[in-house]
Protein backbone atom coordinates (compact mmCIF):
# COMPACT_ATOMS: atom_id res chain seq x y z
CA UNK A 1 238.55 124.29 -177.21
CA UNK A 2 236.62 122.51 -173.88
CA UNK A 3 233.18 121.40 -173.47
CA UNK A 4 231.04 124.31 -172.21
CA UNK A 5 230.52 124.15 -168.19
CA UNK A 6 227.55 125.09 -166.08
CA UNK A 7 228.20 126.70 -162.82
CA UNK A 8 226.43 126.16 -159.73
CA UNK A 9 224.75 129.46 -158.91
CA UNK A 10 226.20 131.31 -156.10
CA UNK A 11 222.96 133.23 -154.58
CA UNK A 12 225.16 135.75 -152.81
CA UNK A 13 226.24 136.99 -156.05
CA UNK A 14 224.59 138.98 -158.53
CA UNK A 15 223.28 137.19 -161.63
CA UNK A 16 223.90 138.50 -165.72
CA UNK A 17 220.62 137.53 -167.98
CA UNK A 18 221.87 137.45 -171.65
CA UNK A 19 218.84 137.42 -173.81
CA UNK A 20 218.42 137.37 -177.79
CA UNK A 21 215.33 137.12 -180.67
CA UNK A 22 215.35 135.58 -184.33
CA UNK A 23 212.90 135.18 -186.52
CA UNK A 24 212.14 131.65 -185.05
CA UNK A 25 213.58 131.39 -181.91
CA UNK A 26 214.54 132.95 -178.39
CA UNK A 27 217.11 132.44 -176.17
CA UNK A 28 218.36 133.52 -172.99
CA UNK A 29 221.52 132.65 -170.76
CA UNK A 30 221.99 133.47 -167.00
CA UNK A 31 225.76 133.88 -166.17
CA UNK A 32 227.70 134.97 -162.67
CA UNK A 33 230.86 136.62 -162.32
CA UNK A 34 233.97 133.85 -161.20
CA UNK A 35 236.76 136.37 -160.82
CA UNK A 36 236.69 138.51 -164.21
CA UNK A 37 235.05 135.56 -166.10
CA UNK A 38 231.31 134.92 -166.36
CA UNK A 39 230.46 131.61 -166.61
CA UNK A 40 227.20 130.39 -167.75
CA UNK A 41 224.62 128.81 -164.57
CA UNK A 42 221.58 127.87 -166.95
CA UNK A 43 220.53 128.08 -170.72
CA UNK A 44 217.49 128.16 -171.80
CA UNK A 45 215.43 128.62 -175.49
CA UNK A 46 212.05 127.99 -177.29
CA UNK A 47 210.74 128.43 -180.40
CA UNK A 48 208.03 131.13 -181.41
CA UNK A 49 204.76 130.87 -181.62
CA UNK A 50 203.11 131.30 -185.01
CA UNK A 51 201.29 134.11 -183.89
CA UNK A 52 204.65 135.67 -181.95
CA UNK A 53 206.54 135.37 -185.44
CA UNK A 54 204.31 138.27 -186.90
CA UNK A 55 206.06 140.73 -183.93
CA UNK A 56 207.95 143.57 -184.55
CA UNK A 57 212.08 143.63 -184.08
CA UNK A 58 211.64 144.96 -180.46
CA UNK A 59 208.45 143.31 -179.79
CA UNK A 60 210.38 139.82 -180.32
CA UNK A 61 213.18 141.18 -178.82
CA UNK A 62 211.14 142.41 -175.46
CA UNK A 63 209.19 138.82 -175.62
CA UNK A 64 212.63 136.81 -174.73
CA UNK A 65 213.58 139.71 -172.21
CA UNK A 66 210.39 138.94 -170.38
CA UNK A 67 210.52 135.40 -171.09
CA UNK A 68 213.95 134.99 -169.75
CA UNK A 69 213.51 136.97 -166.39
CA UNK A 70 210.40 134.10 -166.41
CA UNK A 71 212.27 131.29 -166.93
CA UNK A 72 214.95 132.11 -164.57
CA UNK A 73 212.51 133.84 -161.92
CA UNK A 74 213.34 131.24 -158.83
CA UNK A 75 217.16 133.24 -159.67
CA UNK A 76 216.06 136.50 -160.36
CA UNK A 77 213.22 137.51 -158.10
CA UNK A 78 213.95 139.62 -154.74
CA UNK A 79 217.70 140.42 -155.92
CA UNK A 80 219.39 142.80 -158.07
CA UNK A 81 220.86 141.92 -161.41
CA UNK A 82 221.96 142.51 -165.01
CA UNK A 83 219.88 142.56 -168.08
CA UNK A 84 221.99 142.41 -171.20
CA UNK A 85 220.73 142.91 -174.36
CA UNK A 86 222.13 143.82 -178.34
CA UNK A 87 218.54 145.55 -178.93
CA UNK A 88 219.59 149.30 -178.17
CA UNK A 89 216.04 150.20 -177.91
CA UNK A 90 215.53 147.93 -174.93
CA UNK A 91 217.34 150.57 -172.97
CA UNK A 92 214.36 152.88 -172.61
CA UNK A 93 211.57 150.44 -172.46
CA UNK A 94 210.72 151.96 -168.44
CA UNK A 95 211.96 155.65 -169.62
CA UNK A 96 209.47 156.78 -171.92
CA UNK A 97 206.01 156.77 -172.97
CA UNK A 98 205.18 153.55 -174.70
CA UNK A 99 202.21 153.72 -177.23
CA UNK A 100 202.36 150.33 -177.92
CA UNK A 101 199.86 148.57 -175.40
CA UNK A 102 201.75 144.97 -175.99
CA UNK A 103 205.30 146.51 -174.72
CA UNK A 104 203.42 148.98 -172.17
CA UNK A 105 202.00 145.49 -170.49
CA UNK A 106 205.32 143.61 -170.63
CA UNK A 107 207.01 146.60 -168.82
CA UNK A 108 204.74 146.62 -166.56
CA UNK A 109 205.11 142.77 -165.80
CA UNK A 110 208.89 143.42 -164.90
CA UNK A 111 208.35 145.94 -162.04
CA UNK A 112 208.48 143.37 -159.62
CA UNK A 113 211.69 142.57 -160.58
CA UNK A 114 215.40 144.93 -159.75
CA UNK A 115 217.62 145.26 -162.56
CA UNK A 116 219.43 147.24 -164.81
CA UNK A 117 219.59 147.24 -168.39
CA UNK A 118 222.82 147.12 -170.17
CA UNK A 119 223.54 147.25 -174.21
CA UNK A 120 226.29 144.44 -175.08
CA UNK A 121 227.56 144.49 -179.08
CA UNK A 122 226.09 141.40 -180.44
CA UNK A 123 229.39 139.70 -180.60
CA UNK A 124 229.36 139.70 -177.04
CA UNK A 125 225.91 137.75 -177.08
CA UNK A 126 226.96 134.65 -178.01
CA UNK A 127 225.25 132.40 -176.07
CA UNK A 128 222.02 133.90 -176.08
CA UNK A 129 222.02 134.69 -179.93
CA UNK A 130 223.27 130.78 -180.61
CA UNK A 131 220.33 129.42 -178.85
CA UNK A 132 218.16 131.78 -180.04
CA UNK A 133 219.16 130.51 -183.75
CA UNK A 134 218.97 126.93 -183.33
């Protein structure tokens, strides 16, 4: 087994952002494809604030998404990128009427970004999943 390697970002290639949230933390991994393999460009994680720990699951997952995009703003703003999440309800964040005002505010804050959301299995989200658990 080899140590994880961070690749230098190539601004000419598409970025992939994977995010995750747990009961205590948020995690995000910024990836880029090199050949057929996605390699990490950056990692980030943080603990949830006491008030954030009371959020529902979808709110925590959406917070992770918003926080991850903000954390890697310098790489993502003005570029099209893919956002991958293992929380399927987030796929419909911009497609349905949102009754939750917090989710609505976050959805509005993401409008300047050009991304498409993809669902992935939790087993594929190992980097962000690990970071949200430490």
